[in-house]
Amino acid sequence: MKPIAQLIVTAAAVAFSTSAIVAPAFAAAEQPDQLVKRVSTDVIDTVKSDKDIQGGNRNKIMDLVNSKILPYVDAQKMTQQAAGRYWRQASPEQQKQLSDEFRTLLVYTYSGALAQIKNETVEFKPFRADPADTDVEVQSQVNMTRGEPITLNYRLSKTPQGWKIYDINVLGAWLVQTYQSTFASEIGKSGVDGLIKKLHDRNQQLASKPLQAPQK
C-alpha cells in the first residue's frame, strides 16, 4: 500500500472503530455529521481501554473492524469507483469477487491501523448540507500525539440502510484515487481477473503475518 493510503486508513480508524454500537434503526435515522461525530468520540476511549487491542490482538482487532467499522462503509461503491470504467467491463461474478477482495484488504488495513491509535483527538468543521442532499462531505481534523494536525474529510451517500462512508480524504488525497491508478495498471496488464488475483495474493500474505503492534 502506498504511504498516503496507509496514512488515510490510520487516521480514518480513529473515527470508525465503534460505529456499530448504535442499533441499526437509530443509525438509519442518524444524520451524516452526527454519525461521524459519534464514532469519532467513542473510538479513542474504546481503544485506550482495551489492552488487547493496544497490544495488537489479531482476532479481537479484526472482529472490531468487521463488526463496528465495515457496516458503515460502502465497500462496493469504493471498489466500483476505484475500478472506474473497468467496473462496467467486469461480469457480475467478477464484480463480486473484486468487491470481496477489496473489502478484505480494507479489513487488514484497518486492523493494522487500529493498533497504532494512542491519544488522538478529533475536531469537526461546521457541517453544511441541504436536507435533500444524498451525497455530502463531513470535514474534520485529527490532532495527532506527534506532529501537525491531519485534515480528515469523509464522503457519505444516503442509502436505504442509512448514511454510508464511501471515500476518505487525508491531506488532500482521496482514498479511492490512491487505488485508481493501481487498479487501472493491473487490469491493463492482466485484466480484471489479474487484479482479483493480485488482491487475493496480497490478502493471503497479510493473513500470514501478525498485526504490527504500536511501537514503544
N, C-alpha and C. Protein backbone atom coordinates (compact mmCIF):
# COMPACT_ATOMS: atom_id res chain seq x y z
N MET A 1 0.84 -1.19 0.00
CA MET A 1 0.00 0.00 0.00
C MET A 1 0.87 1.24 0.00
N LYS A 2 0.47 2.25 -0.77
CA LYS A 2 1.21 3.49 -0.81
C LYS A 2 1.15 4.17 0.56
N PRO A 3 2.21 4.95 0.92
CA PRO A 3 2.22 5.61 2.23
C PRO A 3 1.00 6.47 2.49
N ILE A 4 0.54 7.23 1.50
CA ILE A 4 -0.60 8.11 1.73
C ILE A 4 -1.85 7.30 2.01
N ALA A 5 -1.98 6.14 1.37
CA ALA A 5 -3.15 5.29 1.64
C ALA A 5 -3.10 4.75 3.06
N GLN A 6 -1.90 4.37 3.52
CA GLN A 6 -1.76 3.91 4.90
C GLN A 6 -2.10 5.03 5.87
N LEU A 7 -1.66 6.25 5.57
CA LEU A 7 -1.98 7.40 6.42
C LEU A 7 -3.47 7.64 6.47
N ILE A 8 -4.14 7.51 5.33
CA ILE A 8 -5.58 7.73 5.27
C ILE A 8 -6.31 6.74 6.16
N VAL A 9 -6.01 5.47 6.03
CA VAL A 9 -6.75 4.49 6.82
C VAL A 9 -6.39 4.55 8.29
N THR A 10 -5.14 4.92 8.60
CA THR A 10 -4.76 5.06 10.00
C THR A 10 -5.56 6.17 10.66
N ALA A 11 -5.63 7.31 9.98
CA ALA A 11 -6.41 8.41 10.54
C ALA A 11 -7.89 8.07 10.56
N ALA A 12 -8.36 7.39 9.53
CA ALA A 12 -9.78 7.04 9.47
C ALA A 12 -10.17 6.06 10.57
N ALA A 13 -9.25 5.20 10.95
CA ALA A 13 -9.54 4.26 12.03
C ALA A 13 -9.89 4.98 13.32
N VAL A 14 -9.37 6.17 13.49
CA VAL A 14 -9.71 6.97 14.66
C VAL A 14 -11.20 7.22 14.72
N ALA A 15 -11.83 7.32 13.56
CA ALA A 15 -13.23 7.70 13.52
C ALA A 15 -14.20 6.56 13.34
N PHE A 16 -13.76 5.37 12.95
CA PHE A 16 -14.70 4.34 12.56
C PHE A 16 -14.90 3.21 13.56
N SER A 17 -14.01 2.99 14.48
CA SER A 17 -13.95 1.68 15.12
C SER A 17 -15.05 1.37 16.11
N THR A 18 -15.95 2.29 16.42
CA THR A 18 -17.06 1.94 17.29
C THR A 18 -18.39 2.24 16.64
N SER A 19 -18.43 2.22 15.33
CA SER A 19 -19.61 2.72 14.62
C SER A 19 -20.83 1.82 14.71
N ALA A 20 -20.70 0.58 15.14
CA ALA A 20 -21.87 -0.32 15.19
C ALA A 20 -22.48 -0.44 16.57
N ILE A 21 -22.10 0.44 17.48
CA ILE A 21 -22.65 0.37 18.82
C ILE A 21 -24.14 0.66 18.83
N VAL A 22 -24.58 1.61 17.99
CA VAL A 22 -25.97 2.04 17.97
C VAL A 22 -26.81 1.07 17.15
N ALA A 23 -28.04 0.84 17.58
CA ALA A 23 -28.92 -0.08 16.86
C ALA A 23 -29.16 0.41 15.45
N PRO A 24 -29.32 -0.50 14.46
CA PRO A 24 -29.50 -0.12 13.07
C PRO A 24 -30.63 0.87 12.84
N ALA A 25 -31.73 0.73 13.56
CA ALA A 25 -32.86 1.64 13.35
C ALA A 25 -32.47 3.07 13.68
N PHE A 26 -31.70 3.24 14.76
CA PHE A 26 -31.25 4.58 15.13
C PHE A 26 -30.26 5.10 14.11
N ALA A 27 -29.33 4.23 13.70
CA ALA A 27 -28.30 4.64 12.77
C ALA A 27 -28.89 5.07 11.43
N ALA A 28 -29.96 4.41 11.00
CA ALA A 28 -30.57 4.75 9.72
C ALA A 28 -31.13 6.16 9.72
N ALA A 29 -31.56 6.63 10.91
CA ALA A 29 -32.14 7.97 11.01
C ALA A 29 -31.09 9.02 11.35
N GLU A 30 -29.88 8.60 11.61
CA GLU A 30 -28.82 9.49 12.04
C GLU A 30 -28.30 10.32 10.88
N GLN A 31 -28.07 11.61 11.12
CA GLN A 31 -27.52 12.48 10.09
C GLN A 31 -26.03 12.18 9.90
N PRO A 32 -25.49 12.47 8.71
CA PRO A 32 -24.10 12.08 8.43
C PRO A 32 -23.08 12.68 9.38
N ASP A 33 -23.23 13.95 9.73
CA ASP A 33 -22.27 14.55 10.65
C ASP A 33 -22.40 13.97 12.04
N GLN A 34 -23.63 13.63 12.44
CA GLN A 34 -23.84 13.02 13.75
C GLN A 34 -23.20 11.63 13.81
N LEU A 35 -23.32 10.89 12.72
CA LEU A 35 -22.73 9.56 12.65
C LEU A 35 -21.22 9.63 12.84
N VAL A 36 -20.57 10.49 12.06
CA VAL A 36 -19.12 10.58 12.14
C VAL A 36 -18.67 11.13 13.49
N LYS A 37 -19.38 12.12 14.01
CA LYS A 37 -19.01 12.67 15.32
C LYS A 37 -19.14 11.62 16.42
N ARG A 38 -20.22 10.85 16.37
CA ARG A 38 -20.44 9.84 17.41
C ARG A 38 -19.32 8.81 17.44
N VAL A 39 -19.01 8.26 16.25
CA VAL A 39 -18.00 7.21 16.23
C VAL A 39 -16.62 7.77 16.56
N SER A 40 -16.37 9.03 16.19
CA SER A 40 -15.08 9.63 16.50
C SER A 40 -14.91 9.86 17.99
N THR A 41 -15.98 10.25 18.64
CA THR A 41 -15.93 10.48 20.08
C THR A 41 -15.68 9.18 20.83
N ASP A 42 -16.29 8.10 20.37
CA ASP A 42 -16.20 6.82 21.07
C ASP A 42 -14.86 6.10 20.88
N VAL A 43 -14.26 6.24 19.71
CA VAL A 43 -13.19 5.33 19.34
C VAL A 43 -11.96 5.40 20.25
N ILE A 44 -11.53 6.60 20.58
CA ILE A 44 -10.29 6.71 21.35
C ILE A 44 -10.43 6.05 22.72
N ASP A 45 -11.55 6.29 23.39
CA ASP A 45 -11.77 5.68 24.70
C ASP A 45 -11.85 4.16 24.58
N THR A 46 -12.48 3.68 23.50
CA THR A 46 -12.60 2.23 23.30
C THR A 46 -11.23 1.58 23.15
N VAL A 47 -10.40 2.16 22.31
CA VAL A 47 -9.08 1.58 22.08
C VAL A 47 -8.20 1.71 23.32
N LYS A 48 -8.25 2.87 23.97
CA LYS A 48 -7.41 3.09 25.14
C LYS A 48 -7.78 2.17 26.30
N SER A 49 -9.04 1.77 26.36
CA SER A 49 -9.49 0.94 27.48
C SER A 49 -9.31 -0.54 27.24
N ASP A 50 -8.89 -0.91 26.05
CA ASP A 50 -8.75 -2.33 25.71
C ASP A 50 -7.27 -2.66 25.47
N LYS A 51 -6.65 -3.31 26.41
CA LYS A 51 -5.23 -3.62 26.30
C LYS A 51 -4.94 -4.64 25.21
N ASP A 52 -5.91 -5.50 24.92
CA ASP A 52 -5.72 -6.47 23.84
C ASP A 52 -5.58 -5.76 22.50
N ILE A 53 -6.42 -4.77 22.26
CA ILE A 53 -6.34 -4.01 21.01
C ILE A 53 -5.03 -3.25 20.96
N GLN A 54 -4.66 -2.62 22.05
CA GLN A 54 -3.41 -1.88 22.10
C GLN A 54 -2.21 -2.78 21.85
N GLY A 55 -2.33 -4.04 22.29
CA GLY A 55 -1.25 -4.98 22.12
C GLY A 55 -1.23 -5.68 20.78
N GLY A 56 -2.21 -5.38 19.92
CA GLY A 56 -2.23 -5.96 18.58
C GLY A 56 -2.87 -7.33 18.48
N ASN A 57 -3.81 -7.65 19.37
CA ASN A 57 -4.51 -8.94 19.32
C ASN A 57 -5.28 -9.06 18.00
N ARG A 58 -4.80 -9.95 17.12
CA ARG A 58 -5.37 -10.04 15.77
C ARG A 58 -6.86 -10.34 15.77
N ASN A 59 -7.27 -11.37 16.48
CA ASN A 59 -8.67 -11.76 16.44
C ASN A 59 -9.59 -10.67 16.97
N LYS A 60 -9.19 -10.05 18.06
CA LYS A 60 -10.04 -9.03 18.65
C LYS A 60 -10.13 -7.78 17.77
N ILE A 61 -9.00 -7.40 17.19
CA ILE A 61 -8.99 -6.22 16.33
C ILE A 61 -9.80 -6.47 15.06
N MET A 62 -9.63 -7.63 14.44
CA MET A 62 -10.35 -7.92 13.22
C MET A 62 -11.84 -8.06 13.48
N ASP A 63 -12.20 -8.60 14.63
CA ASP A 63 -13.61 -8.67 15.00
C ASP A 63 -14.18 -7.26 15.15
N LEU A 64 -13.40 -6.37 15.73
CA LEU A 64 -13.82 -4.98 15.89
C LEU A 64 -14.04 -4.32 14.54
N VAL A 65 -13.12 -4.56 13.62
CA VAL A 65 -13.24 -3.97 12.28
C VAL A 65 -14.49 -4.49 11.58
N ASN A 66 -14.67 -5.80 11.60
CA ASN A 66 -15.80 -6.41 10.88
C ASN A 66 -17.15 -6.01 11.46
N SER A 67 -17.21 -5.88 12.78
CA SER A 67 -18.50 -5.62 13.42
C SER A 67 -18.81 -4.15 13.58
N LYS A 68 -17.77 -3.32 13.66
CA LYS A 68 -18.03 -1.93 14.03
C LYS A 68 -17.50 -0.88 13.07
N ILE A 69 -16.81 -1.30 12.04
CA ILE A 69 -16.34 -0.35 11.02
C ILE A 69 -17.08 -0.58 9.71
N LEU A 70 -16.95 -1.79 9.18
CA LEU A 70 -17.45 -2.06 7.82
C LEU A 70 -18.96 -1.90 7.65
N PRO A 71 -19.79 -2.09 8.68
CA PRO A 71 -21.22 -1.84 8.48
C PRO A 71 -21.53 -0.41 8.06
N TYR A 72 -20.62 0.50 8.27
CA TYR A 72 -20.84 1.91 7.92
C TYR A 72 -19.97 2.37 6.77
N VAL A 73 -19.33 1.42 6.10
CA VAL A 73 -18.51 1.72 4.93
C VAL A 73 -19.12 1.01 3.72
N ASP A 74 -19.33 1.76 2.64
CA ASP A 74 -19.88 1.18 1.41
C ASP A 74 -18.71 0.65 0.58
N ALA A 75 -18.26 -0.56 0.91
CA ALA A 75 -17.09 -1.13 0.26
C ALA A 75 -17.32 -1.37 -1.23
N GLN A 76 -18.55 -1.73 -1.61
CA GLN A 76 -18.81 -1.97 -3.03
C GLN A 76 -18.69 -0.68 -3.83
N LYS A 77 -19.22 0.41 -3.29
CA LYS A 77 -19.12 1.69 -4.00
C LYS A 77 -17.67 2.14 -4.09
N MET A 78 -16.91 1.91 -3.03
CA MET A 78 -15.49 2.25 -3.06
C MET A 78 -14.78 1.46 -4.15
N THR A 79 -15.08 0.16 -4.22
CA THR A 79 -14.46 -0.69 -5.23
C THR A 79 -14.85 -0.25 -6.64
N GLN A 80 -16.13 0.04 -6.82
CA GLN A 80 -16.63 0.47 -8.12
C GLN A 80 -15.92 1.74 -8.59
N GLN A 81 -15.76 2.69 -7.69
CA GLN A 81 -15.12 3.94 -8.07
C GLN A 81 -13.62 3.76 -8.29
N ALA A 82 -13.00 2.89 -7.49
CA ALA A 82 -11.58 2.64 -7.69
C ALA A 82 -11.32 1.94 -9.03
N ALA A 83 -12.24 1.07 -9.43
CA ALA A 83 -12.09 0.36 -10.71
C ALA A 83 -12.45 1.25 -11.90
N GLY A 84 -13.24 2.29 -11.66
CA GLY A 84 -13.60 3.22 -12.73
C GLY A 84 -14.33 2.56 -13.88
N ARG A 85 -13.92 2.87 -15.10
CA ARG A 85 -14.62 2.35 -16.28
C ARG A 85 -14.50 0.83 -16.40
N TYR A 86 -13.50 0.27 -15.76
CA TYR A 86 -13.31 -1.18 -15.85
C TYR A 86 -14.41 -1.94 -15.09
N TRP A 87 -15.06 -1.25 -14.16
CA TRP A 87 -16.13 -1.91 -13.40
C TRP A 87 -17.24 -2.39 -14.33
N ARG A 88 -17.58 -1.58 -15.33
CA ARG A 88 -18.65 -1.93 -16.26
C ARG A 88 -18.25 -3.08 -17.18
N GLN A 89 -16.95 -3.27 -17.34
CA GLN A 89 -16.48 -4.36 -18.19
C GLN A 89 -16.45 -5.70 -17.46
N ALA A 90 -16.53 -5.66 -16.15
CA ALA A 90 -16.46 -6.88 -15.35
C ALA A 90 -17.83 -7.56 -15.30
N SER A 91 -17.81 -8.87 -15.24
CA SER A 91 -19.05 -9.63 -15.10
C SER A 91 -19.56 -9.47 -13.67
N PRO A 92 -20.83 -9.78 -13.41
CA PRO A 92 -21.33 -9.71 -12.03
C PRO A 92 -20.50 -10.53 -11.06
N GLU A 93 -20.05 -11.70 -11.47
CA GLU A 93 -19.23 -12.54 -10.61
C GLU A 93 -17.88 -11.89 -10.33
N GLN A 94 -17.27 -11.29 -11.38
CA GLN A 94 -16.01 -10.59 -11.18
C GLN A 94 -16.19 -9.39 -10.26
N GLN A 95 -17.29 -8.68 -10.42
CA GLN A 95 -17.56 -7.53 -9.56
C GLN A 95 -17.65 -7.96 -8.10
N LYS A 96 -18.33 -9.08 -7.87
CA LYS A 96 -18.46 -9.59 -6.51
C LYS A 96 -17.11 -10.01 -5.94
N GLN A 97 -16.33 -10.72 -6.73
CA GLN A 97 -15.02 -11.16 -6.27
C GLN A 97 -14.11 -9.97 -5.99
N LEU A 98 -14.15 -8.99 -6.86
CA LEU A 98 -13.31 -7.81 -6.68
C LEU A 98 -13.71 -7.05 -5.42
N SER A 99 -15.02 -6.89 -5.21
CA SER A 99 -15.50 -6.19 -4.01
C SER A 99 -15.12 -6.96 -2.75
N ASP A 100 -15.25 -8.29 -2.80
CA ASP A 100 -14.92 -9.11 -1.63
C ASP A 100 -13.44 -9.01 -1.28
N GLU A 101 -12.58 -9.06 -2.30
CA GLU A 101 -11.14 -8.99 -2.04
C GLU A 101 -10.73 -7.60 -1.55
N PHE A 102 -11.33 -6.56 -2.12
CA PHE A 102 -11.01 -5.20 -1.69
C PHE A 102 -11.50 -4.97 -0.27
N ARG A 103 -12.67 -5.51 0.04
CA ARG A 103 -13.21 -5.39 1.39
C ARG A 103 -12.28 -6.09 2.38
N THR A 104 -11.77 -7.27 2.01
CA THR A 104 -10.85 -7.99 2.89
C THR A 104 -9.57 -7.20 3.09
N LEU A 105 -9.08 -6.58 2.03
CA LEU A 105 -7.89 -5.74 2.14
C LEU A 105 -8.12 -4.59 3.11
N LEU A 106 -9.32 -4.00 3.07
CA LEU A 106 -9.65 -2.92 3.99
C LEU A 106 -9.67 -3.43 5.43
N VAL A 107 -10.15 -4.66 5.63
CA VAL A 107 -10.17 -5.24 6.98
C VAL A 107 -8.75 -5.32 7.54
N TYR A 108 -7.84 -5.87 6.76
CA TYR A 108 -6.45 -5.99 7.22
C TYR A 108 -5.81 -4.62 7.44
N THR A 109 -6.12 -3.69 6.54
CA THR A 109 -5.54 -2.36 6.65
C THR A 109 -6.02 -1.64 7.90
N TYR A 110 -7.34 -1.66 8.11
CA TYR A 110 -7.88 -1.03 9.31
C TYR A 110 -7.39 -1.73 10.57
N SER A 111 -7.26 -3.05 10.52
CA SER A 111 -6.82 -3.79 11.69
C SER A 111 -5.42 -3.35 12.12
N GLY A 112 -4.53 -3.21 11.14
CA GLY A 112 -3.19 -2.74 11.45
C GLY A 112 -3.19 -1.32 11.98
N ALA A 113 -4.08 -0.48 11.43
CA ALA A 113 -4.13 0.92 11.85
C ALA A 113 -4.66 1.08 13.26
N LEU A 114 -5.61 0.24 13.65
CA LEU A 114 -6.22 0.38 14.98
C LEU A 114 -5.20 0.23 16.10
N ALA A 115 -4.23 -0.65 15.90
CA ALA A 115 -3.23 -0.89 16.94
C ALA A 115 -2.31 0.31 17.13
N GLN A 116 -2.36 1.29 16.21
CA GLN A 116 -1.48 2.44 16.29
C GLN A 116 -2.11 3.62 17.01
N ILE A 117 -3.41 3.55 17.29
CA ILE A 117 -4.10 4.68 17.91
C ILE A 117 -3.64 4.85 19.36
N LYS A 118 -3.35 6.09 19.72
CA LYS A 118 -2.91 6.37 21.09
C LYS A 118 -3.80 7.43 21.72
N ASN A 119 -3.40 8.69 21.62
CA ASN A 119 -4.14 9.75 22.31
C ASN A 119 -4.68 10.81 21.35
N GLU A 120 -5.00 10.41 20.13
CA GLU A 120 -5.52 11.36 19.16
C GLU A 120 -6.89 11.91 19.56
N THR A 121 -7.17 13.12 19.15
CA THR A 121 -8.49 13.72 19.33
C THR A 121 -8.97 14.24 17.99
N VAL A 122 -10.30 14.44 17.87
CA VAL A 122 -10.89 14.85 16.60
C VAL A 122 -11.72 16.11 16.79
N GLU A 123 -11.54 17.06 15.90
CA GLU A 123 -12.34 18.28 15.89
C GLU A 123 -13.08 18.35 14.56
N PHE A 124 -14.32 18.88 14.57
CA PHE A 124 -15.14 18.92 13.37
C PHE A 124 -15.40 20.35 12.91
N LYS A 125 -15.42 20.50 11.58
CA LYS A 125 -15.78 21.78 10.99
C LYS A 125 -17.31 21.86 10.92
N PRO A 126 -17.87 23.07 10.86
CA PRO A 126 -19.33 23.20 10.73
C PRO A 126 -19.83 22.43 9.51
N PHE A 127 -20.90 21.68 9.70
CA PHE A 127 -21.46 20.86 8.63
C PHE A 127 -22.52 21.65 7.88
N ARG A 128 -22.38 21.73 6.56
CA ARG A 128 -23.33 22.46 5.74
C ARG A 128 -23.82 21.55 4.61
N ALA A 129 -25.12 21.31 4.61
CA ALA A 129 -25.72 20.49 3.56
C ALA A 129 -27.21 20.76 3.52
N ASP A 130 -27.79 20.60 2.34
CA ASP A 130 -29.23 20.74 2.18
C ASP A 130 -29.91 19.47 2.69
N PRO A 131 -31.05 19.58 3.35
CA PRO A 131 -31.74 18.38 3.85
C PRO A 131 -32.05 17.37 2.75
N ALA A 132 -32.15 17.84 1.52
CA ALA A 132 -32.48 16.93 0.42
C ALA A 132 -31.24 16.26 -0.18
N ASP A 133 -30.05 16.66 0.23
CA ASP A 133 -28.82 16.09 -0.32
C ASP A 133 -28.71 14.60 0.01
N THR A 134 -28.21 13.85 -0.95
CA THR A 134 -27.98 12.42 -0.74
C THR A 134 -26.50 12.07 -0.83
N ASP A 135 -25.67 13.09 -1.06
CA ASP A 135 -24.23 12.90 -1.13
C ASP A 135 -23.59 14.11 -0.46
N VAL A 136 -22.85 13.89 0.61
CA VAL A 136 -22.33 15.01 1.40
C VAL A 136 -20.88 14.76 1.79
N GLU A 137 -20.26 15.81 2.32
CA GLU A 137 -18.90 15.72 2.83
C GLU A 137 -18.87 16.25 4.26
N VAL A 138 -18.28 15.47 5.15
CA VAL A 138 -18.09 15.88 6.54
C VAL A 138 -16.61 16.16 6.73
N GLN A 139 -16.28 17.32 7.27
CA GLN A 139 -14.89 17.73 7.40
C GLN A 139 -14.46 17.71 8.87
N SER A 140 -13.26 17.22 9.10
CA SER A 140 -12.75 17.17 10.47
C SER A 140 -11.24 17.31 10.46
N GLN A 141 -10.69 17.33 11.66
CA GLN A 141 -9.24 17.44 11.85
C GLN A 141 -8.84 16.52 12.99
N VAL A 142 -7.82 15.70 12.74
CA VAL A 142 -7.31 14.80 13.77
C VAL A 142 -6.06 15.42 14.38
N ASN A 143 -6.10 15.64 15.67
CA ASN A 143 -4.95 16.16 16.39
C ASN A 143 -4.10 14.99 16.85
N MET A 144 -2.92 14.87 16.24
CA MET A 144 -2.05 13.74 16.50
C MET A 144 -1.23 13.95 17.76
N THR A 145 -0.76 12.84 18.34
CA THR A 145 0.08 12.95 19.53
C THR A 145 1.42 13.58 19.19
N ARG A 146 1.85 13.39 17.96
CA ARG A 146 3.09 13.99 17.49
C ARG A 146 2.85 14.58 16.11
N GLY A 147 3.43 15.72 15.86
CA GLY A 147 3.32 16.33 14.54
C GLY A 147 2.10 17.21 14.40
N GLU A 148 1.94 17.73 13.18
CA GLU A 148 0.85 18.65 12.89
C GLU A 148 -0.49 17.91 12.78
N PRO A 149 -1.60 18.63 13.02
CA PRO A 149 -2.92 18.03 12.84
C PRO A 149 -3.12 17.55 11.41
N ILE A 150 -3.95 16.53 11.24
CA ILE A 150 -4.22 15.95 9.93
C ILE A 150 -5.66 16.26 9.52
N THR A 151 -5.82 16.86 8.35
CA THR A 151 -7.15 17.09 7.80
C THR A 151 -7.75 15.75 7.39
N LEU A 152 -8.97 15.49 7.84
CA LEU A 152 -9.63 14.21 7.56
C LEU A 152 -11.08 14.48 7.20
N ASN A 153 -11.42 14.30 5.93
CA ASN A 153 -12.78 14.54 5.45
C ASN A 153 -13.39 13.24 4.93
N TYR A 154 -14.72 13.17 4.97
CA TYR A 154 -15.43 11.96 4.58
C TYR A 154 -16.48 12.28 3.53
N ARG A 155 -16.62 11.43 2.55
CA ARG A 155 -17.74 11.50 1.63
C ARG A 155 -18.72 10.39 2.01
N LEU A 156 -19.99 10.77 2.15
CA LEU A 156 -21.03 9.81 2.51
C LEU A 156 -22.17 9.92 1.52
N SER A 157 -22.81 8.79 1.27
CA SER A 157 -24.00 8.78 0.43
C SER A 157 -25.15 8.16 1.23
N LYS A 158 -26.36 8.58 0.93
CA LYS A 158 -27.53 8.10 1.64
C LYS A 158 -28.04 6.83 0.98
N THR A 159 -28.21 5.80 1.76
CA THR A 159 -28.70 4.51 1.26
C THR A 159 -29.96 4.13 2.05
N PRO A 160 -30.68 3.11 1.62
CA PRO A 160 -31.85 2.67 2.39
C PRO A 160 -31.50 2.25 3.81
N GLN A 161 -30.24 1.90 4.04
CA GLN A 161 -29.80 1.48 5.37
C GLN A 161 -29.21 2.64 6.18
N GLY A 162 -29.27 3.84 5.64
CA GLY A 162 -28.68 4.99 6.32
C GLY A 162 -27.46 5.50 5.57
N TRP A 163 -26.78 6.45 6.16
CA TRP A 163 -25.60 7.04 5.52
C TRP A 163 -24.43 6.07 5.57
N LYS A 164 -23.71 6.01 4.43
CA LYS A 164 -22.54 5.14 4.34
C LYS A 164 -21.35 5.96 3.85
N ILE A 165 -20.20 5.70 4.44
CA ILE A 165 -18.96 6.36 4.01
C ILE A 165 -18.40 5.60 2.82
N TYR A 166 -18.07 6.34 1.75
CA TYR A 166 -17.52 5.67 0.58
C TYR A 166 -16.19 6.26 0.12
N ASP A 167 -15.70 7.29 0.79
CA ASP A 167 -14.38 7.80 0.46
C ASP A 167 -13.88 8.65 1.62
N ILE A 168 -12.57 8.73 1.75
CA ILE A 168 -11.93 9.45 2.84
C ILE A 168 -10.80 10.28 2.27
N ASN A 169 -10.66 11.50 2.78
CA ASN A 169 -9.62 12.40 2.30
C ASN A 169 -8.70 12.76 3.45
N VAL A 170 -7.40 12.52 3.26
CA VAL A 170 -6.39 12.94 4.22
C VAL A 170 -5.37 13.79 3.50
N LEU A 171 -5.17 15.01 4.02
CA LEU A 171 -4.16 15.91 3.45
C LEU A 171 -4.36 16.12 1.96
N GLY A 172 -5.62 16.19 1.53
CA GLY A 172 -5.92 16.49 0.13
C GLY A 172 -5.97 15.29 -0.79
N ALA A 173 -5.75 14.09 -0.28
CA ALA A 173 -5.76 12.89 -1.12
C ALA A 173 -6.94 12.00 -0.74
N TRP A 174 -7.75 11.64 -1.74
CA TRP A 174 -8.89 10.75 -1.50
C TRP A 174 -8.44 9.30 -1.63
N LEU A 175 -8.92 8.46 -0.71
CA LEU A 175 -8.52 7.05 -0.68
C LEU A 175 -8.79 6.35 -2.01
N VAL A 176 -9.98 6.56 -2.58
CA VAL A 176 -10.33 5.89 -3.82
C VAL A 176 -9.34 6.25 -4.93
N GLN A 177 -8.93 7.50 -4.98
CA GLN A 177 -8.00 7.93 -6.02
C GLN A 177 -6.64 7.27 -5.88
N THR A 178 -6.24 6.96 -4.64
CA THR A 178 -4.93 6.31 -4.45
C THR A 178 -4.92 4.90 -5.02
N TYR A 179 -6.10 4.30 -5.19
CA TYR A 179 -6.18 2.96 -5.75
C TYR A 179 -6.47 2.95 -7.25
N GLN A 180 -7.00 4.04 -7.78
CA GLN A 180 -7.42 4.03 -9.18
C GLN A 180 -6.29 3.70 -10.14
N SER A 181 -5.12 4.33 -9.94
CA SER A 181 -4.01 4.08 -10.86
C SER A 181 -3.50 2.65 -10.72
N THR A 182 -3.47 2.14 -9.49
CA THR A 182 -3.02 0.76 -9.27
C THR A 182 -3.96 -0.24 -9.92
N PHE A 183 -5.27 -0.02 -9.72
CA PHE A 183 -6.27 -0.91 -10.33
C PHE A 183 -6.18 -0.86 -11.86
N ALA A 184 -6.10 0.35 -12.40
CA ALA A 184 -6.05 0.50 -13.86
C ALA A 184 -4.82 -0.16 -14.44
N SER A 185 -3.68 0.01 -13.76
CA SER A 185 -2.43 -0.57 -14.25
C SER A 185 -2.50 -2.10 -14.26
N GLU A 186 -3.01 -2.68 -13.20
CA GLU A 186 -3.08 -4.14 -13.11
C GLU A 186 -4.08 -4.70 -14.11
N ILE A 187 -5.24 -4.04 -14.25
CA ILE A 187 -6.24 -4.50 -15.22
C ILE A 187 -5.69 -4.40 -16.63
N GLY A 188 -4.93 -3.32 -16.89
CA GLY A 188 -4.33 -3.15 -18.20
C GLY A 188 -3.35 -4.25 -18.54
N LYS A 189 -2.67 -4.78 -17.54
CA LYS A 189 -1.67 -5.83 -17.76
C LYS A 189 -2.29 -7.22 -17.82
N SER A 190 -3.24 -7.50 -16.92
CA SER A 190 -3.72 -8.88 -16.81
C SER A 190 -5.22 -9.00 -16.64
N GLY A 191 -5.96 -7.91 -16.91
CA GLY A 191 -7.41 -7.97 -16.87
C GLY A 191 -7.96 -7.93 -15.45
N VAL A 192 -9.29 -7.98 -15.37
CA VAL A 192 -9.95 -7.93 -14.07
C VAL A 192 -9.57 -9.13 -13.22
N ASP A 193 -9.48 -10.30 -13.86
CA ASP A 193 -9.09 -11.49 -13.10
C ASP A 193 -7.69 -11.34 -12.52
N GLY A 194 -6.82 -10.66 -13.24
CA GLY A 194 -5.47 -10.42 -12.74
C GLY A 194 -5.48 -9.54 -11.51
N LEU A 195 -6.33 -8.51 -11.51
CA LEU A 195 -6.44 -7.64 -10.34
C LEU A 195 -7.01 -8.41 -9.15
N ILE A 196 -8.02 -9.23 -9.42
CA ILE A 196 -8.61 -10.03 -8.34
C ILE A 196 -7.55 -10.94 -7.73
N LYS A 197 -6.74 -11.56 -8.58
CA LYS A 197 -5.68 -12.45 -8.09
C LYS A 197 -4.65 -11.68 -7.28
N LYS A 198 -4.30 -10.49 -7.75
CA LYS A 198 -3.29 -9.71 -7.03
C LYS A 198 -3.80 -9.33 -5.65
N LEU A 199 -5.06 -8.91 -5.56
CA LEU A 199 -5.64 -8.56 -4.27
C LEU A 199 -5.73 -9.79 -3.37
N HIS A 200 -6.12 -10.93 -3.97
CA HIS A 200 -6.22 -12.17 -3.21
C HIS A 200 -4.86 -12.57 -2.64
N ASP A 201 -3.82 -12.50 -3.48
CA ASP A 201 -2.47 -12.86 -3.04
C ASP A 201 -2.00 -11.93 -1.92
N ARG A 202 -2.32 -10.65 -2.06
CA ARG A 202 -1.94 -9.69 -1.03
C ARG A 202 -2.66 -10.00 0.29
N ASN A 203 -3.92 -10.36 0.20
CA ASN A 203 -4.67 -10.70 1.41
C ASN A 203 -4.12 -11.96 2.07
N GLN A 204 -3.74 -12.93 1.25
CA GLN A 204 -3.14 -14.15 1.79
C GLN A 204 -1.82 -13.85 2.51
N GLN A 205 -1.06 -12.94 1.92
CA GLN A 205 0.20 -12.53 2.53
C GLN A 205 -0.04 -11.85 3.87
N LEU A 206 -1.02 -10.97 3.92
CA LEU A 206 -1.33 -10.25 5.16
C LEU A 206 -1.86 -11.21 6.23
N ALA A 207 -2.61 -12.23 5.79
CA ALA A 207 -3.19 -13.19 6.73
C ALA A 207 -2.11 -14.01 7.42
N SER A 208 -0.96 -14.15 6.79
CA SER A 208 0.11 -14.98 7.35
C SER A 208 1.03 -14.20 8.27
N LYS A 209 0.82 -12.89 8.38
CA LYS A 209 1.69 -12.07 9.20
C LYS A 209 0.94 -11.55 10.42
N PRO A 210 1.64 -11.38 11.54
CA PRO A 210 0.98 -10.79 12.72
C PRO A 210 0.74 -9.31 12.49
N LEU A 211 -0.34 -8.80 13.10
CA LEU A 211 -0.58 -7.37 13.04
C LEU A 211 0.52 -6.66 13.80
N GLN A 212 0.95 -5.53 13.27
CA GLN A 212 2.04 -4.81 13.92
C GLN A 212 1.51 -4.02 15.11
N ALA A 213 2.04 -4.30 16.28
CA ALA A 213 1.66 -3.59 17.49
C ALA A 213 2.32 -2.22 17.51
N PRO A 214 1.77 -1.28 18.27
CA PRO A 214 2.37 0.04 18.33
C PRO A 214 3.78 0.01 18.87
N GLN A 215 4.61 0.91 18.36
CA GLN A 215 5.98 1.00 18.83
C GLN A 215 6.03 1.62 20.21
N LYS A 216 6.86 1.07 21.06
CA LYS A 216 7.01 1.60 22.42
C LYS A 216 7.91 2.82 22.39
